[in-house]
Structure formats: structure tokens, C-alpha cells
Amino acid sequence: MRKLPRTATAPFCPSEVSGTVNVPESLPLWRKILRFAGPGLLVSVGYMDPGNWATAIQGGSQFGYDLLFVVVLSSLAAIVLQCLSMRLGIVTGKDLAVHCREQYDPRLNKVLWLFAELSIIACDLAEVLGCALAFKLLLGVSLPTGVALTALDTIIVLTLKGRGFRQLEAIVLGLIATIAVCLFSELALIRPDWHAVAAGVVPSLQKLEPRDALYLAIGILGATVMPHNLYLHSSVVQTRVMPFDVIRKTEDSRGRLAEAIKLSRIDTIVSLALALFINGAILVLAAAAFYKPGGGGVMEIDQAYSLLAPIAGTAFAAILFGLALLASGQSSTFTGTIAGQVIMEGFMKWKIPCWQRRLITRALALAPAMIGVLTLGEHAVGRMLVGSQVVLSMQLPFAMYPLIRLTGKRSLMGGFANAWWTSALAWFLFVVISAANMWMVWQAIVD
């Protein structure tokens, strides 16, 4: 893969994060795997943001382990789609947003851009609410004050100016490790029923018969398969460099390209498997701690924090919960910033400094977050978080459609175009997700 110029869309912020990661062909396989590790981790943080927490906690507290299979299937769908996105970026050297601009009518391109921007704002709204709640739980401030404090994360982005991509990935890895340690420590304190956990993994349409269960399932799907991550992944994989001809005219170069795809696939699957375990751990924690057969379970994320200490028998469990929630919100901030830059430059060719992009996105999320907590009350955070994830789910088909179409084109992908079974699986996911969203809209109209 060729080395991208500093103005390309692959780095964290074009012209602000220097360099790419060189992967010499002579390295042994295990070292190549380590060199390729990173883009998948960066994408995976979007799959463990505060929106995931809200949907998983509400699902676990209301339905026990019944919706655990939704988390598993959503994560598997995410792996399929992210692998398509990764392959598009590696084979063509362009991200999904750039392809949409080049392939579609300008009016349609603007519509797709607006939907992509809406998904980023919805995601950032979840980050604002999650971090604000974490500040409230850990510092004792009011929720509106916590919302105001989230505006300061632009300073974090500014401190990354001039950093290399590897340094950014190391920060993200540290935040993911913080989330994982906190959650699995809480599971050790709560001690869930692992036989019931195994039963919850088994898919069952009967478990989705209650209307609230299906609504939460759609929210879990939106929180897991994030549309803007499909644009992001096709860009960040281009930070991995192998010294071979990207024009792919010779059999040798095609073989090396196939190796790059294989190594990136390993990174994607391992990273999203980690996200799956973390998301599953949140739901299992909520089910084990708060589920009461017949109803009466915890419905709000802030209630979960306050009740964890007496259930676990130690105040340390509640502190771990707050720290993990804060880490999830901060890590997702990176994903939203990078994805926003990729989408803006890819669709519209607009180039602005990274901190300005961060400021615009955060400002657009701060307003509805502040209005929501002031008008609906502090206990409405959980409902607002779940609602933001449903919005994400509704945007997903608009990112899936061009991705599936483009990766299936032999004129574009050559021998790396989707196999028939890959296309069939991807279109099946598209139909299922679109149908679920249409059902939800219909139910809202009927009511």
C-alpha cells in the first residue's frame, strides 16, 4: 500500500498527525500482525461508547440475559461490514466517502453526507451524556455542569496535534484496557449465573416478542454497528504501508495485497471480538445485578451506579463503573473526530483544522444534550442515550448500501470483489436492518 500524503484522509487529522506505519515485506508473520494491529482497535472504541452502556443496562435490567444474543449477532454483523470497509480502503486506496463522491450524483452525495453527519452528531450526543453522567457520579457535580465540562475535551484533541498515528492508537488501547479491567472486575464482584448467560446467547425470536424488547434490540444494533465507522475504517487502514505496487498489475503485487487484507482482517476480528466481550459484559452485569423476574428492574444508567455498591458489597464497584463510563466516552471522542474529518473531506472536499471539526461536532451535540437534561430532568439520560442509538440504527442502511455495492464491483475491486456468498450475507443484513427500522417508524406513526 502506498504511503499517503499528509493531506490524505487516513491520519487522525489530515496534516496534523504525522506519518504512517511502515510494514516491510521481510518481517516475520507475527511482527506483521503486530504492525497491522491498531485500525481495528480505533474502530472498536465506537462499539463500546456510552450508548452501548445505556442499551445494554436497560436490556439487562429489564429482560435479564434474553437480549445477549442480539449483542452477539450485532457484533458478528459489525465484523462482516467492517471487513468489507477495510477491504475497500486497502484495494482501492480510497475511503468510502471519496467513492460516494466519485460514484454518485452530487445531490445524492449531499444526502448521504448529511445522513453520515447526523450519525456522528447522534454518536457525539451519547458521548456528551455519558461523560456528563460520569462526571456527576465521580465528582458530584450536577448533570448540566457535567454536560458543560464535556466541552473541554477539545483540549484533548489539541494536545494530539503533531502526534503519530501509533501514539494515538496507544492512547486508545489504554482507554479500552481501562474499560475492560473495570467491567471484568465488577463481574468478579457480582458473580453472574453463567448457565443463564449461555442460554441468553442462543438466538430466539420469541425473546423479541415484547415491543420494548424489539425497540431495545434495534437500539443495541444501532449502538453496535455504527454507520460512521464504515467510512472511518476504509480510511484508517491506509495508515499501514507495505512497499509494493498499489496499481496491482502483477500477480506478485496482488499476492501482497491479499496479505495486507488478511492481516487487516485479523486486526478487525480480534478488535471487534474484544468489543463484543465488553458489550456483553455490560449486559451481563446489568442482568446479574438488577434483573427481577416480573419487572421492577433498573431502567436508568445512573440508577445502576448508585445500586452497584450495596449489591456488590463494596463502594469500589460503583467507582469502577464511573471510571469505565468516563473512559468509554473519552475513547469514543477520538472515533467521532476522526470519522467526522474523513466524512467531511471525502464527501465535500472540505479541509478544516481538526480542533475546529471537534468544536463544531461537540457544539451540535451539546445543545440538545443541555436542553434535554434541563427540560426532561436528569433521570432522562438513559432514555436519551437509547434514543440516540436508535437514530444511529436508522442511518445505517444509508452507509451499508454504497459499501455493499462498491465492494461487489469487479470493475473497481478486481479479483477482490465480494464472493457471491459474501454479497448474499451483506444484502441479507441490509434487508433485516432496514425492515427493523421501518417497523419502528411504523409503530411510532401508529401510536
Protein backbone atom coordinates (compact mmCIF):
# COMPACT_ATOMS: atom_id res chain seq x y z
CA MET A 1 0.00 0.00 0.00
CA ARG A 2 1.33 3.40 -0.91
CA LYS A 3 2.28 5.99 1.67
CA LEU A 4 -0.41 8.64 1.77
CA PRO A 5 0.44 12.33 1.66
CA ARG A 6 -0.06 14.31 4.83
CA THR A 7 -3.22 15.83 3.39
CA ALA A 8 -4.90 12.46 2.84
CA THR A 9 -7.81 11.34 4.93
CA ALA A 10 -6.17 8.37 6.57
CA PRO A 11 -4.38 10.00 9.53
CA PHE A 12 -6.22 11.15 12.64
CA CYS A 13 -6.40 14.70 11.36
CA PRO A 14 -5.09 15.46 7.90
CA SER A 15 -1.88 17.46 8.16
CA GLU A 16 -1.93 17.24 11.97
CA VAL A 17 -0.90 13.67 12.71
CA SER A 18 2.35 12.73 11.11
CA GLY A 19 3.38 9.63 9.30
CA THR A 20 2.09 6.13 8.69
CA VAL A 21 3.16 2.73 9.97
CA ASN A 22 5.68 1.03 7.72
CA VAL A 23 5.27 -2.75 7.33
CA PRO A 24 8.29 -4.19 5.47
CA GLU A 25 7.67 -7.35 3.49
CA SER A 26 10.67 -9.08 5.10
CA LEU A 27 9.17 -9.11 8.61
CA PRO A 28 8.03 -12.45 10.09
CA LEU A 29 4.27 -13.02 10.19
CA TRP A 30 3.80 -12.37 13.90
CA ARG A 31 5.56 -9.00 13.64
CA LYS A 32 3.46 -8.07 10.61
CA ILE A 33 0.33 -8.84 12.63
CA LEU A 34 1.54 -6.53 15.39
CA ARG A 35 2.36 -3.79 12.89
CA PHE A 36 -1.10 -4.07 11.31
CA ALA A 37 -2.82 -4.03 14.71
CA GLY A 38 -4.37 -0.65 15.51
CA PRO A 39 -7.01 0.47 12.99
CA GLY A 40 -9.37 -2.21 14.25
CA LEU A 41 -8.87 -1.02 17.83
CA LEU A 42 -9.57 2.56 16.77
CA VAL A 43 -12.81 1.47 15.13
CA SER A 44 -13.79 -0.81 18.02
CA VAL A 45 -13.99 2.04 20.55
CA GLY A 46 -17.09 3.22 18.70
CA TYR A 47 -18.67 -0.10 19.63
CA MET A 48 -18.30 0.42 23.38
CA ASP A 49 -19.43 4.03 23.81
CA PRO A 50 -21.96 5.27 26.44
CA GLY A 51 -24.82 4.50 24.05
CA ASN A 52 -23.89 0.83 24.28
CA TRP A 53 -23.92 1.13 28.05
CA ALA A 54 -27.43 2.59 28.10
CA THR A 55 -28.96 -0.01 25.78
CA ALA A 56 -27.15 -2.90 27.48
CA ILE A 57 -28.03 -1.79 31.01
CA GLN A 58 -31.68 -1.23 30.13
CA GLY A 59 -31.81 -4.51 28.23
CA GLY A 60 -30.15 -6.49 31.00
CA SER A 61 -32.16 -4.95 33.83
CA GLN A 62 -35.49 -5.30 32.02
CA PHE A 63 -35.09 -8.64 30.21
CA GLY A 64 -32.23 -10.36 32.01
CA TYR A 65 -29.90 -12.29 29.72
CA ASP A 66 -32.54 -12.66 26.95
CA LEU A 67 -31.07 -9.96 24.68
CA LEU A 68 -27.49 -11.19 24.94
CA PHE A 69 -27.87 -12.96 21.60
CA VAL A 70 -28.69 -9.58 20.00
CA VAL A 71 -25.34 -8.25 21.20
CA VAL A 72 -23.57 -11.29 19.74
CA LEU A 73 -25.35 -11.20 16.37
CA SER A 74 -24.93 -7.42 16.08
CA SER A 75 -21.20 -7.79 16.72
CA LEU A 76 -20.91 -10.52 14.08
CA ALA A 77 -22.74 -8.26 11.61
CA ALA A 78 -20.32 -5.47 12.52
CA ILE A 79 -17.35 -7.73 11.78
CA VAL A 80 -18.75 -8.57 8.33
CA LEU A 81 -19.38 -4.92 7.44
CA GLN A 82 -16.09 -3.61 8.85
CA CYS A 83 -14.18 -6.25 6.89
CA LEU A 84 -15.88 -5.00 3.71
CA SER A 85 -14.95 -1.43 4.61
CA MET A 86 -11.36 -2.41 5.36
CA ARG A 87 -11.04 -4.27 2.04
CA LEU A 88 -12.43 -1.33 0.07
CA GLY A 89 -9.83 1.02 1.55
CA ILE A 90 -6.89 -1.33 1.02
CA VAL A 91 -7.72 -2.40 -2.53
CA THR A 92 -8.66 1.00 -3.93
CA GLY A 93 -6.57 3.33 -1.77
CA LYS A 94 -9.70 5.49 -1.26
CA ASP A 95 -12.20 5.60 1.58
CA LEU A 96 -15.96 5.04 1.28
CA ALA A 97 -16.81 8.76 1.43
CA VAL A 98 -14.49 9.54 -1.50
CA HIS A 99 -16.03 6.71 -3.53
CA CYS A 100 -19.53 8.04 -2.84
CA ARG A 101 -18.48 11.48 -4.10
CA GLU A 102 -16.96 9.98 -7.25
CA GLN A 103 -19.64 7.39 -7.99
CA TYR A 104 -22.93 9.16 -7.25
CA ASP A 105 -24.84 12.22 -8.44
CA PRO A 106 -23.86 15.37 -6.48
CA ARG A 107 -27.36 15.70 -5.00
CA LEU A 108 -27.38 12.11 -3.78
CA ASN A 109 -23.84 12.58 -2.50
CA LYS A 110 -25.01 15.50 -0.34
CA VAL A 111 -27.90 13.46 1.04
CA LEU A 112 -25.54 10.64 2.03
CA TRP A 113 -23.20 13.20 3.60
CA LEU A 114 -26.00 14.72 5.67
CA PHE A 115 -27.04 11.28 6.95
CA ALA A 116 -23.44 10.47 7.81
CA GLU A 117 -23.08 13.77 9.70
CA LEU A 118 -26.32 13.06 11.55
CA SER A 119 -24.94 9.72 12.72
CA ILE A 120 -21.82 11.45 14.07
CA ILE A 121 -23.90 14.02 15.94
CA ALA A 122 -26.07 11.24 17.43
CA CYS A 123 -22.94 9.40 18.50
CA ASP A 124 -21.42 12.53 19.98
CA LEU A 125 -24.66 13.21 21.85
CA ALA A 126 -24.23 9.83 23.52
CA GLU A 127 -20.63 10.69 24.38
CA VAL A 128 -21.69 14.02 25.90
CA LEU A 129 -24.41 12.42 28.01
CA GLY A 130 -22.20 9.50 29.07
CA CYS A 131 -19.24 11.67 30.08
CA ALA A 132 -21.54 14.18 31.80
CA LEU A 133 -23.07 11.37 33.82
CA ALA A 134 -19.60 10.02 34.67
CA PHE A 135 -18.56 13.48 35.91
CA LYS A 136 -21.70 13.64 38.03
CA LEU A 137 -21.09 10.21 39.53
CA LEU A 138 -17.38 10.69 40.18
CA LEU A 139 -17.19 14.40 41.04
CA GLY A 140 -20.63 15.02 42.49
CA VAL A 141 -21.44 17.87 40.08
CA SER A 142 -24.88 18.45 38.60
CA LEU A 143 -25.66 16.91 35.22
CA PRO A 144 -25.85 20.30 33.39
CA THR A 145 -22.40 21.09 34.84
CA GLY A 146 -21.19 17.69 33.62
CA VAL A 147 -22.51 18.49 30.14
CA ALA A 148 -20.61 21.78 30.19
CA LEU A 149 -17.42 20.00 31.25
CA THR A 150 -17.57 17.76 28.19
CA ALA A 151 -16.86 20.82 26.04
CA LEU A 152 -13.32 20.73 27.40
CA ASP A 153 -12.48 17.55 25.50
CA THR A 154 -11.48 19.76 22.57
CA ILE A 155 -8.34 20.44 24.62
CA ILE A 156 -7.56 16.71 24.46
CA VAL A 157 -7.74 16.81 20.67
CA LEU A 158 -5.48 19.87 20.56
CA THR A 159 -2.83 18.04 22.60
CA LEU A 160 -2.70 15.36 19.87
CA LYS A 161 -1.56 17.85 17.24
CA GLY A 162 1.58 16.57 15.59
CA ARG A 163 1.37 13.13 17.19
CA GLY A 164 1.95 9.99 15.18
CA PHE A 165 -0.81 7.51 14.47
CA ARG A 166 0.83 4.87 16.68
CA GLN A 167 0.73 7.23 19.68
CA LEU A 168 -2.97 7.80 19.12
CA GLU A 169 -3.61 4.06 18.94
CA ALA A 170 -1.65 3.56 22.16
CA ILE A 171 -3.89 6.08 23.95
CA VAL A 172 -6.99 4.32 22.65
CA LEU A 173 -5.63 0.93 23.72
CA GLY A 174 -5.05 2.30 27.22
CA LEU A 175 -8.65 3.54 27.42
CA ILE A 176 -10.00 0.21 26.17
CA ALA A 177 -7.88 -1.63 28.75
CA THR A 178 -9.31 0.65 31.46
CA ILE A 179 -12.88 -0.19 30.40
CA ALA A 180 -12.14 -3.92 30.26
CA VAL A 181 -10.40 -4.08 33.65
CA CYS A 182 -13.21 -2.13 35.35
CA LEU A 183 -16.01 -4.21 33.84
CA PHE A 184 -14.49 -7.62 34.39
CA SER A 185 -13.57 -6.64 37.96
CA GLU A 186 -17.23 -5.82 38.54
CA LEU A 187 -18.28 -9.15 37.07
CA ALA A 188 -15.98 -10.88 39.55
CA LEU A 189 -17.72 -8.99 42.37
CA ILE A 190 -21.28 -9.63 41.12
CA ARG A 191 -20.80 -13.31 40.10
CA PRO A 192 -23.43 -13.82 37.36
CA ASP A 193 -25.16 -17.13 36.61
CA TRP A 194 -23.03 -18.40 33.74
CA HIS A 195 -25.56 -21.10 32.77
CA ALA A 196 -28.14 -18.36 32.24
CA VAL A 197 -25.55 -16.36 30.30
CA ALA A 198 -25.02 -19.31 27.94
CA ALA A 199 -28.79 -19.63 27.45
CA GLY A 200 -29.01 -15.92 26.62
CA VAL A 201 -26.55 -16.32 23.75
CA VAL A 202 -28.93 -18.72 21.96
CA PRO A 203 -30.96 -16.75 19.33
CA SER A 204 -34.74 -16.76 19.77
CA LEU A 205 -37.38 -14.64 18.01
CA GLN A 206 -39.68 -15.37 20.92
CA LYS A 207 -37.47 -13.21 23.13
CA LEU A 208 -38.20 -10.25 20.85
CA GLU A 209 -41.99 -10.53 21.01
CA PRO A 210 -42.39 -7.80 23.67
CA ARG A 211 -42.40 -4.44 21.91
CA ASP A 212 -39.91 -2.94 24.35
CA ALA A 213 -37.56 -5.84 23.69
CA LEU A 214 -37.59 -5.22 19.93
CA TYR A 215 -37.08 -1.49 20.44
CA LEU A 216 -34.08 -2.20 22.67
CA ALA A 217 -32.78 -4.76 20.17
CA ILE A 218 -32.81 -2.09 17.45
CA GLY A 219 -31.05 0.27 19.85
CA ILE A 220 -28.41 -2.37 20.58
CA LEU A 221 -27.95 -2.84 16.84
CA GLY A 222 -27.50 0.91 16.31
CA ALA A 223 -25.07 1.09 19.21
CA THR A 224 -23.05 -1.83 17.85
CA VAL A 225 -22.96 -1.35 14.07
CA MET A 226 -22.19 2.36 13.79
CA PRO A 227 -22.61 3.85 10.29
CA HIS A 228 -19.77 6.37 10.50
CA ASN A 229 -17.36 3.57 11.43
CA LEU A 230 -17.83 2.15 7.94
CA TYR A 231 -16.44 5.39 6.49
CA LEU A 232 -13.74 5.58 9.14
CA HIS A 233 -12.32 2.07 8.73
CA SER A 234 -11.89 2.37 4.96
CA SER A 235 -9.66 5.37 5.67
CA VAL A 236 -7.57 4.42 8.70
CA VAL A 237 -6.44 1.09 7.22
CA GLN A 238 -4.48 3.15 4.74
CA THR A 239 -2.05 4.09 7.51
CA ARG A 240 -0.48 0.64 7.10
CA VAL A 241 2.20 0.70 4.44
CA MET A 242 3.72 -2.19 2.52
CA PRO A 243 6.38 -1.48 -0.14
CA PHE A 244 4.62 -2.91 -3.17
CA ASP A 245 2.89 -1.54 -6.26
CA VAL A 246 -0.62 -0.45 -5.37
CA ILE A 247 -1.64 -0.37 -9.01
CA ARG A 248 -1.89 -4.18 -8.62
CA LYS A 249 -0.94 -5.05 -12.21
CA THR A 250 1.22 -8.08 -11.45
CA GLU A 251 0.43 -11.38 -9.78
CA ASP A 252 3.11 -10.63 -7.18
CA SER A 253 1.53 -7.35 -6.14
CA ARG A 254 -1.91 -8.99 -5.95
CA GLY A 255 -0.46 -11.60 -3.62
CA ARG A 256 0.96 -8.93 -1.36
CA LEU A 257 -2.33 -7.05 -1.45
CA ALA A 258 -4.08 -10.24 -0.36
CA GLU A 259 -1.63 -10.49 2.54
CA ALA A 260 -2.43 -6.92 3.60
CA ILE A 261 -6.15 -7.77 3.58
CA LYS A 262 -5.52 -10.93 5.61
CA LEU A 263 -3.50 -9.09 8.25
CA SER A 264 -6.06 -6.30 8.48
CA ARG A 265 -8.84 -8.87 8.78
CA ILE A 266 -7.09 -10.40 11.79
CA ASP A 267 -6.83 -6.93 13.37
CA THR A 268 -10.53 -6.27 12.70
CA ILE A 269 -11.83 -9.58 14.03
CA VAL A 270 -9.71 -9.55 17.18
CA SER A 271 -10.56 -5.91 17.96
CA LEU A 272 -14.30 -6.30 17.44
CA ALA A 273 -14.27 -9.57 19.38
CA LEU A 274 -12.86 -7.57 22.29
CA ALA A 275 -15.66 -5.02 21.84
CA LEU A 276 -18.16 -7.90 21.83
CA PHE A 277 -16.87 -9.20 25.16
CA ILE A 278 -17.04 -5.70 26.69
CA ASN A 279 -20.59 -5.05 25.42
CA GLY A 280 -21.66 -8.49 26.56
CA ALA A 281 -20.08 -7.85 29.95
CA ILE A 282 -22.17 -4.68 30.40
CA LEU A 283 -25.43 -6.52 29.69
CA VAL A 284 -24.42 -9.49 31.85
CA LEU A 285 -23.51 -7.13 34.69
CA ALA A 286 -26.91 -5.40 34.46
CA ALA A 287 -28.79 -8.68 34.26
CA ALA A 288 -26.93 -10.22 37.19
CA ALA A 289 -27.23 -7.16 39.41
CA PHE A 290 -30.60 -5.64 38.57
CA TYR A 291 -32.93 -8.05 36.75
CA LYS A 292 -36.04 -9.06 38.67
CA PRO A 293 -38.42 -11.57 37.04
CA GLY A 294 -41.79 -9.93 36.61
CA GLY A 295 -40.41 -6.38 36.33
CA GLY A 296 -39.06 -3.77 38.68
CA GLY A 297 -35.51 -3.82 37.34
CA VAL A 298 -33.25 -0.78 37.00
CA MET A 299 -34.09 1.22 33.88
CA GLU A 300 -31.63 4.11 34.04
CA ILE A 301 -27.84 4.12 33.83
CA ASP A 302 -27.45 6.48 36.81
CA GLN A 303 -29.56 4.16 38.98
CA ALA A 304 -27.18 1.34 38.09
CA TYR A 305 -24.27 3.29 39.53
CA SER A 306 -25.98 4.05 42.82
CA LEU A 307 -27.19 0.49 43.37
CA LEU A 308 -23.99 -1.34 42.41
CA ALA A 309 -22.25 -0.66 45.73
CA PRO A 310 -24.83 -2.32 48.02
CA ILE A 311 -25.31 -5.23 45.62
CA ALA A 312 -21.59 -5.89 45.19
CA GLY A 313 -20.89 -5.23 48.86
CA THR A 314 -18.24 -2.59 48.18
CA ALA A 315 -18.20 1.05 47.06
CA PHE A 316 -15.28 0.15 44.79
CA ALA A 317 -17.73 -1.38 42.29
CA ALA A 318 -19.52 1.94 41.81
CA ILE A 319 -16.22 3.78 41.33
CA LEU A 320 -15.15 1.22 38.71
CA PHE A 321 -18.47 1.76 36.93
CA GLY A 322 -17.95 5.54 36.77
CA LEU A 323 -14.34 5.25 35.59
CA ALA A 324 -15.24 2.78 32.84
CA LEU A 325 -18.11 5.00 31.69
CA LEU A 326 -15.80 8.03 31.52
CA ALA A 327 -13.15 6.05 29.61
CA SER A 328 -15.76 4.82 27.12
CA GLY A 329 -16.94 8.36 26.42
CA GLN A 330 -13.44 9.76 26.01
CA SER A 331 -12.29 6.93 23.75
CA SER A 332 -15.34 7.37 21.52
CA THR A 333 -14.46 11.05 21.19
CA PHE A 334 -11.46 10.04 19.07
CA THR A 335 -13.62 7.90 16.79
CA GLY A 336 -16.14 10.67 16.23
CA THR A 337 -13.46 13.26 15.49
CA ILE A 338 -11.59 11.09 13.00
CA ALA A 339 -14.78 9.89 11.30
CA GLY A 340 -16.06 13.45 11.03
CA GLN A 341 -12.87 14.56 9.34
CA VAL A 342 -12.92 11.60 6.94
CA ILE A 343 -16.57 12.19 6.02
CA MET A 344 -16.24 15.94 5.55
CA GLU A 345 -13.13 15.67 3.37
CA GLY A 346 -14.35 12.61 1.47
CA PHE A 347 -17.86 13.79 0.60
CA MET A 348 -17.34 17.53 0.31
CA LYS A 349 -13.56 18.09 -0.07
CA TRP A 350 -13.71 20.46 2.89
CA LYS A 351 -10.49 20.66 4.87
CA ILE A 352 -10.52 22.40 8.25
CA PRO A 353 -8.26 22.03 11.30
CA CYS A 354 -9.07 19.04 13.45
CA TRP A 355 -9.86 21.08 16.56
CA GLN A 356 -12.40 23.13 14.59
CA ARG A 357 -14.10 19.95 13.41
CA ARG A 358 -14.17 18.70 17.01
CA LEU A 359 -15.59 22.02 18.22
CA ILE A 360 -18.36 22.06 15.60
CA THR A 361 -19.41 18.46 16.30
CA ARG A 362 -19.36 18.92 20.05
CA ALA A 363 -21.34 22.18 19.83
CA LEU A 364 -24.04 20.46 17.76
CA ALA A 365 -24.29 17.71 20.40
CA LEU A 366 -24.07 19.99 23.44
CA ALA A 367 -27.21 21.95 22.60
CA PRO A 368 -29.69 19.03 22.52
CA ALA A 369 -27.94 17.39 25.47
CA MET A 370 -28.26 20.51 27.63
CA ILE A 371 -31.85 21.14 26.53
CA GLY A 372 -32.71 17.51 27.25
CA VAL A 373 -31.34 17.40 30.79
CA LEU A 374 -32.83 20.82 31.65
CA THR A 375 -36.32 20.09 30.32
CA LEU A 376 -36.69 16.34 30.84
CA GLY A 377 -34.72 16.08 34.05
CA GLU A 378 -31.52 14.32 34.99
CA HIS A 379 -33.15 10.90 35.07
CA ALA A 380 -33.95 11.14 31.34
CA VAL A 381 -30.32 10.45 30.39
CA GLY A 382 -30.93 6.75 29.86
CA ARG A 383 -33.86 7.34 27.51
CA MET A 384 -31.91 9.97 25.58
CA LEU A 385 -28.95 7.62 25.22
CA VAL A 386 -31.11 4.77 23.93
CA GLY A 387 -32.87 7.17 21.55
CA SER A 388 -29.54 8.32 20.10
CA GLN A 389 -28.65 4.71 19.33
CA VAL A 390 -31.95 4.14 17.56
CA VAL A 391 -31.14 7.19 15.40
CA LEU A 392 -27.80 5.56 14.55
CA SER A 393 -29.56 2.36 13.53
CA MET A 394 -31.84 4.31 11.19
CA GLN A 395 -28.81 5.87 9.44
CA LEU A 396 -27.04 2.53 8.99
CA PRO A 397 -28.68 1.40 5.71
CA PHE A 398 -27.54 4.64 4.01
CA ALA A 399 -23.92 3.68 4.69
CA MET A 400 -24.38 -0.05 4.06
CA TYR A 401 -25.89 0.30 0.59
CA PRO A 402 -22.95 2.06 -1.13
CA LEU A 403 -20.45 -0.11 0.75
CA ILE A 404 -22.03 -3.37 -0.42
CA ARG A 405 -22.48 -2.10 -3.98
CA LEU A 406 -18.92 -0.81 -4.27
CA THR A 407 -17.20 -3.88 -2.81
CA GLY A 408 -19.21 -6.07 -5.20
CA LYS A 409 -17.98 -4.23 -8.32
CA ARG A 410 -15.33 -6.16 -10.21
CA SER A 411 -14.53 -3.06 -12.27
CA LEU A 412 -13.47 -1.39 -9.02
CA MET A 413 -12.24 -4.26 -6.84
CA GLY A 414 -10.94 -6.66 -9.48
CA GLY A 415 -10.33 -10.12 -8.06
CA PHE A 416 -11.05 -8.78 -4.57
CA ALA A 417 -14.74 -8.13 -5.27
CA ASN A 418 -17.24 -9.80 -2.95
CA ALA A 419 -17.83 -13.50 -3.46
CA TRP A 420 -21.48 -14.40 -4.08
CA TRP A 421 -21.96 -15.66 -0.55
CA THR A 422 -20.41 -12.51 0.92
CA SER A 423 -22.78 -10.34 -1.13
CA ALA A 424 -25.74 -12.53 -0.14
CA LEU A 425 -24.88 -12.23 3.55
CA ALA A 426 -24.31 -8.47 3.32
CA TRP A 427 -27.59 -7.86 1.48
CA PHE A 428 -29.41 -10.06 4.00
CA LEU A 429 -28.10 -7.86 6.80
CA PHE A 430 -29.19 -4.79 4.84
CA VAL A 431 -32.75 -6.13 4.45
CA VAL A 432 -33.06 -7.17 8.11
CA ILE A 433 -31.77 -3.85 9.46
CA SER A 434 -33.90 -1.80 7.06
CA ALA A 435 -37.01 -3.85 7.90
CA ALA A 436 -36.44 -3.41 11.64
CA ASN A 437 -36.09 0.34 11.20
CA MET A 438 -39.24 0.57 9.06
CA TRP A 439 -41.16 -1.40 11.69
CA MET A 440 -40.04 1.02 14.36
CA VAL A 441 -41.05 4.05 12.30
CA TRP A 442 -44.44 2.47 11.58
CA GLN A 443 -45.03 1.80 15.25
CA ALA A 444 -44.22 5.43 16.05
CA ILE A 445 -46.73 6.61 13.41
CA VAL A 446 -49.45 4.23 14.61
CA ASP A 447 -49.02 5.39 18.20
